[in-house]
């Protein structure tokens, strides 16, 4: 009995020992495979990281090149500050110099610019932004050639077309004082048509826009009819 027990115990220990050794070898082998796989993955990822670093650097350079300093913008004639009072004179002086040097060198621009252009705030606005676009294309050493191409191909022809459409037939005589006994001289600041209707329209749009719009009242109709009379600013 004693001999049999010892034999069984020895056999059991031998089985346990072999099983543990087998499990340990299998685990190490699997771990080695995982490490080898990770090494291969890292070999593929490292070049990608370098490429990502290059792209990040390129994006940073592009952002720096296209950044506009805070507070810098183009001049607006329609929203020009009134203080100091000589700001308008300085803006027009610069614009006229640019028109002499650049804009009026183009025959279609010289042909379509009305003599009364200074009397048209919208024309001054158009010319100012066109001048700023030209300066951005030609006075910035980092500007791409596409800016100049856009100025010639789209911006300048577009401004010339709008100037010719809105004031091509205008003249200084059209800006002379009118006969106040027969027609009002309302050639000053523009008036937004029927601004008094903003409250009912806003209320309708905010709460009942699925319903028909409110009908114009008699005062609205009278105002619209007055604006349709010949010689009245529209």
Protein backbone atom coordinates (compact mmCIF):
# COMPACT_ATOMS: atom_id res chain seq x y z
CA UNK A 1 0.00 0.00 0.00
CA UNK A 2 2.75 2.32 0.90
CA UNK A 3 4.66 1.52 -2.26
CA UNK A 4 1.59 2.05 -4.44
CA UNK A 5 0.80 5.41 -2.88
CA UNK A 6 4.30 6.60 -3.42
CA UNK A 7 4.21 5.51 -7.04
CA UNK A 8 0.90 7.27 -7.73
CA UNK A 9 2.07 10.40 -6.04
CA UNK A 10 5.25 10.43 -8.05
CA UNK A 11 3.36 9.95 -11.29
CA UNK A 12 1.00 12.73 -10.35
CA UNK A 13 3.82 15.10 -9.61
CA UNK A 14 5.45 14.24 -12.86
CA UNK A 15 2.22 15.00 -14.80
CA UNK A 16 1.74 18.29 -13.02
CA UNK A 17 5.31 19.32 -13.63
CA UNK A 18 5.13 18.51 -17.34
CA UNK A 19 1.82 20.39 -17.70
CA UNK A 20 3.22 23.47 -16.04
CA UNK A 21 6.32 23.39 -18.20
CA UNK A 22 4.19 23.01 -21.35
CA UNK A 23 1.91 25.92 -20.40
CA UNK A 24 4.89 28.16 -19.66
CA UNK A 25 6.58 27.38 -22.98
CA UNK A 26 3.33 27.99 -24.89
CA UNK A 27 2.80 31.35 -23.16
CA UNK A 28 6.32 32.52 -23.91
CA UNK A 29 5.99 31.47 -27.53
CA UNK A 30 2.71 33.37 -27.89
CA UNK A 31 4.16 36.42 -26.23
CA UNK A 32 7.12 36.30 -28.61
CA UNK A 33 4.74 36.24 -31.55
CA UNK A 34 2.86 39.26 -30.18
CA UNK A 35 6.09 41.19 -29.69
CA UNK A 36 7.16 40.36 -33.22
CA UNK A 37 3.81 41.56 -34.55
CA UNK A 38 4.06 44.81 -32.60
CA UNK A 39 7.57 45.31 -33.94
CA UNK A 40 6.29 44.97 -37.51
CA UNK A 41 3.43 47.39 -36.77
CA UNK A 42 5.85 49.95 -35.38
CA UNK A 43 8.04 49.58 -38.45
CA UNK A 44 5.03 50.57 -40.58
CA UNK A 45 3.82 53.35 -38.27
CA UNK A 46 7.10 55.22 -37.82
CA UNK A 47 7.23 56.51 -41.43
CA UNK A 48 3.59 57.61 -41.08
CA UNK A 49 4.45 59.60 -37.97
CA UNK A 50 7.22 61.39 -39.83
CA UNK A 51 4.80 62.17 -42.66
CA UNK A 52 2.21 63.49 -40.19
CA UNK A 53 4.85 65.74 -38.66
CA UNK A 54 5.64 67.12 -42.14
CA UNK A 55 1.95 67.77 -42.83
CA UNK A 56 1.49 69.49 -39.47
CA UNK A 57 4.45 71.75 -40.21
CA UNK A 58 3.03 72.57 -43.66
CA UNK A 59 -0.39 73.42 -42.22
CA UNK A 60 1.23 75.71 -39.66
CA UNK A 61 3.17 77.53 -42.36
CA UNK A 62 0.03 77.94 -44.48
CA UNK A 63 -1.90 79.28 -41.50
CA UNK A 64 0.85 81.81 -40.79
CA UNK A 65 0.95 82.89 -44.43
CA UNK A 66 -2.81 83.44 -44.69
CA UNK A 67 -3.39 84.91 -41.23
CA UNK A 68 -4.85 88.41 -41.14
CA UNK A 69 -3.62 90.57 -38.26
CA UNK A 70 -6.31 91.49 -35.75
CA UNK A 71 -8.04 94.74 -36.57
CA UNK A 72 -6.82 94.82 -40.18
CA UNK A 73 -9.46 95.00 -42.91
CA UNK A 74 -10.38 96.77 -46.08
CA UNK A 75 -11.78 100.28 -45.99
CA UNK A 76 -15.53 100.67 -46.41
CA UNK A 77 -16.80 103.98 -47.78
CA UNK A 78 -20.35 103.17 -46.72
CA UNK A 79 -19.28 102.51 -43.13
CA UNK A 80 -16.41 104.99 -42.93
CA UNK A 81 -15.84 106.46 -39.45
CA UNK A 82 -16.70 110.15 -39.18
CA UNK A 83 -13.97 110.80 -36.65
CA UNK A 84 -11.47 112.15 -37.47
CA UNK A 85 -13.26 114.20 -40.12
CA UNK A 86 -10.34 114.15 -42.58
CA UNK A 87 -10.49 110.35 -42.90
CA UNK A 88 -12.75 110.58 -45.95
CA UNK A 89 -10.37 112.98 -47.69
CA UNK A 90 -7.40 110.68 -47.05
CA UNK A 91 -9.29 107.66 -48.38
CA UNK A 92 -10.39 109.43 -51.55
CA UNK A 93 -6.94 110.85 -52.16
CA UNK A 94 -5.41 107.38 -52.02
CA UNK A 95 -8.18 105.97 -54.23
CA UNK A 96 -7.74 108.65 -56.89
CA UNK A 97 -4.00 108.07 -57.04
CA UNK A 98 -4.57 104.34 -57.54
CA UNK A 99 -7.18 104.98 -60.22
CA UNK A 100 -4.71 107.15 -62.12
CA UNK A 101 -1.90 104.62 -61.83
CA UNK A 102 -3.86 101.38 -62.33
CA UNK A 103 -7.61 101.41 -62.85
CA UNK A 104 -7.97 103.96 -65.64
CA UNK A 105 -5.12 102.37 -67.59
CA UNK A 106 -7.72 99.86 -68.76
CA UNK A 107 -9.72 101.26 -71.66
CA UNK A 108 -13.00 99.66 -70.62
CA UNK A 109 -12.64 101.15 -67.13
CA UNK A 110 -11.97 104.64 -68.48
CA UNK A 111 -14.85 104.35 -70.91
CA UNK A 112 -17.46 103.23 -68.37
CA UNK A 113 -16.55 105.41 -65.36
CA UNK A 114 -19.17 108.18 -65.17
CA UNK A 115 -18.01 111.71 -64.52
CA UNK A 116 -20.21 111.82 -61.43
CA UNK A 117 -18.72 108.74 -59.80
CA UNK A 118 -17.86 110.67 -56.62
CA UNK A 119 -21.56 111.39 -56.16
CA UNK A 120 -22.34 107.65 -56.02
CA UNK A 121 -21.31 106.11 -52.68
CA UNK A 122 -21.85 102.60 -54.03
CA UNK A 123 -19.37 103.25 -56.86
CA UNK A 124 -16.77 104.55 -54.41
CA UNK A 125 -17.30 101.42 -52.32
CA UNK A 126 -16.76 99.19 -55.37
CA UNK A 127 -13.57 100.98 -56.36
CA UNK A 128 -12.18 100.89 -52.83
CA UNK A 129 -12.47 97.14 -52.41
CA UNK A 130 -11.12 96.62 -55.92
CA UNK A 131 -8.09 98.71 -54.98
CA UNK A 132 -7.59 96.69 -51.80
CA UNK A 133 -7.81 93.45 -53.77
CA UNK A 134 -5.18 94.75 -56.19
CA UNK A 135 -2.88 95.73 -53.30
CA UNK A 136 -3.29 92.28 -51.74
CA UNK A 137 -2.29 90.65 -55.02
CA UNK A 138 0.63 92.90 -55.95
CA UNK A 139 2.05 94.37 -52.74
CA UNK A 140 2.21 91.19 -50.65
CA UNK A 141 5.35 89.21 -51.44
CA UNK A 142 3.72 86.01 -50.17
CA UNK A 143 0.58 86.36 -52.30
CA UNK A 144 0.05 83.54 -54.84
CA UNK A 145 -0.23 84.43 -58.51
CA UNK A 146 -3.85 83.25 -58.39
CA UNK A 147 -4.79 86.46 -56.54
CA UNK A 148 -3.62 88.55 -59.48
CA UNK A 149 -5.36 86.17 -61.88
CA UNK A 150 -8.62 86.54 -59.97
CA UNK A 151 -8.28 90.31 -59.98
CA UNK A 152 -7.94 90.41 -63.76
CA UNK A 153 -10.33 87.62 -64.60
CA UNK A 154 -13.18 88.21 -62.14
CA UNK A 155 -12.87 91.21 -59.83
CA UNK A 156 -12.05 94.02 -62.26
CA UNK A 157 -14.54 92.96 -64.97
CA UNK A 158 -17.24 92.48 -62.33
CA UNK A 159 -16.78 95.97 -60.89
CA UNK A 160 -16.73 97.56 -64.35
CA UNK A 161 -19.93 95.75 -65.31
CA UNK A 162 -21.76 96.86 -62.15
CA UNK A 163 -20.58 100.46 -62.50
CA UNK A 164 -21.77 100.55 -66.10
CA UNK A 165 -25.10 98.98 -65.16
CA UNK A 166 -25.89 101.23 -62.20
CA UNK A 167 -24.48 104.57 -63.35
CA UNK A 168 -23.29 104.22 -66.93
CA UNK A 169 -25.81 106.77 -68.21
CA UNK A 170 -25.59 109.13 -65.26
CA UNK A 171 -24.04 112.61 -65.50
CA UNK A 172 -23.36 115.65 -63.37
CA UNK A 173 -26.58 117.23 -64.62
CA UNK A 174 -28.53 114.45 -62.96
CA UNK A 175 -27.18 115.61 -59.61
CA UNK A 176 -28.31 119.23 -60.01
CA UNK A 177 -30.96 120.59 -57.61
CA UNK A 178 -34.47 119.62 -58.61
CA UNK A 179 -37.56 121.75 -58.94
CA UNK A 180 -38.90 121.39 -55.42
CA UNK A 181 -42.29 122.77 -56.49
CA UNK A 182 -42.94 119.80 -58.77
CA UNK A 183 -40.95 116.88 -57.35
CA UNK A 184 -39.13 116.23 -54.08
CA UNK A 185 -35.36 116.09 -53.95
CA UNK A 186 -34.78 112.90 -52.04
CA UNK A 187 -31.34 112.14 -53.45
CA UNK A 188 -29.71 112.10 -50.00
CA UNK A 189 -29.49 109.16 -47.66
CA UNK A 190 -31.44 106.13 -48.88
CA UNK A 191 -34.62 105.14 -47.09
CA UNK A 192 -35.45 101.47 -46.58
CA UNK A 193 -38.90 100.92 -48.12
CA UNK A 194 -41.69 100.26 -45.64
CA UNK A 195 -39.44 99.87 -42.63
CA UNK A 196 -42.51 100.64 -40.53
CA UNK A 197 -43.87 97.19 -41.43
CA UNK A 198 -41.03 95.41 -39.66
CA UNK A 199 -43.02 94.71 -36.47
CA UNK A 200 -45.96 92.83 -38.04
CA UNK A 201 -43.68 90.97 -40.45
CA UNK A 202 -41.31 89.95 -37.64
CA UNK A 203 -44.23 88.77 -35.51
CA UNK A 204 -45.66 86.73 -38.36
CA UNK A 205 -42.34 85.11 -39.25
CA UNK A 206 -41.47 84.33 -35.64
CA UNK A 207 -44.76 82.69 -34.68
CA UNK A 208 -47.01 82.03 -37.70
CA UNK A 209 -44.76 81.64 -40.71
CA UNK A 210 -46.79 78.66 -41.95
CA UNK A 211 -49.74 81.01 -42.37
CA UNK A 212 -50.05 83.67 -45.09
CA UNK A 213 -48.16 86.91 -44.46
CA UNK A 214 -50.11 89.83 -42.94
CA UNK A 215 -51.81 92.04 -45.52
CA UNK A 216 -50.35 95.51 -46.16
CA UNK A 217 -52.46 98.18 -44.51
CA UNK A 218 -53.62 101.36 -46.33
CA UNK A 219 -50.61 103.35 -45.05
CA UNK A 220 -48.22 100.81 -46.56
CA UNK A 221 -50.02 100.96 -49.91
CA UNK A 222 -49.90 104.75 -49.93
CA UNK A 223 -46.18 104.77 -49.19
CA UNK A 224 -45.48 102.30 -51.98
CA UNK A 225 -47.57 104.32 -54.46
CA UNK A 226 -45.68 107.50 -53.58
CA UNK A 227 -42.36 105.81 -54.24
CA UNK A 228 -43.50 104.73 -57.70
CA UNK A 229 -44.04 108.29 -58.89
CA UNK A 230 -41.55 109.49 -61.55
CA UNK A 231 -38.52 111.21 -60.06
CA UNK A 232 -38.91 109.52 -56.67
CA UNK A 233 -35.94 107.58 -55.30
CA UNK A 234 -36.59 103.83 -55.23
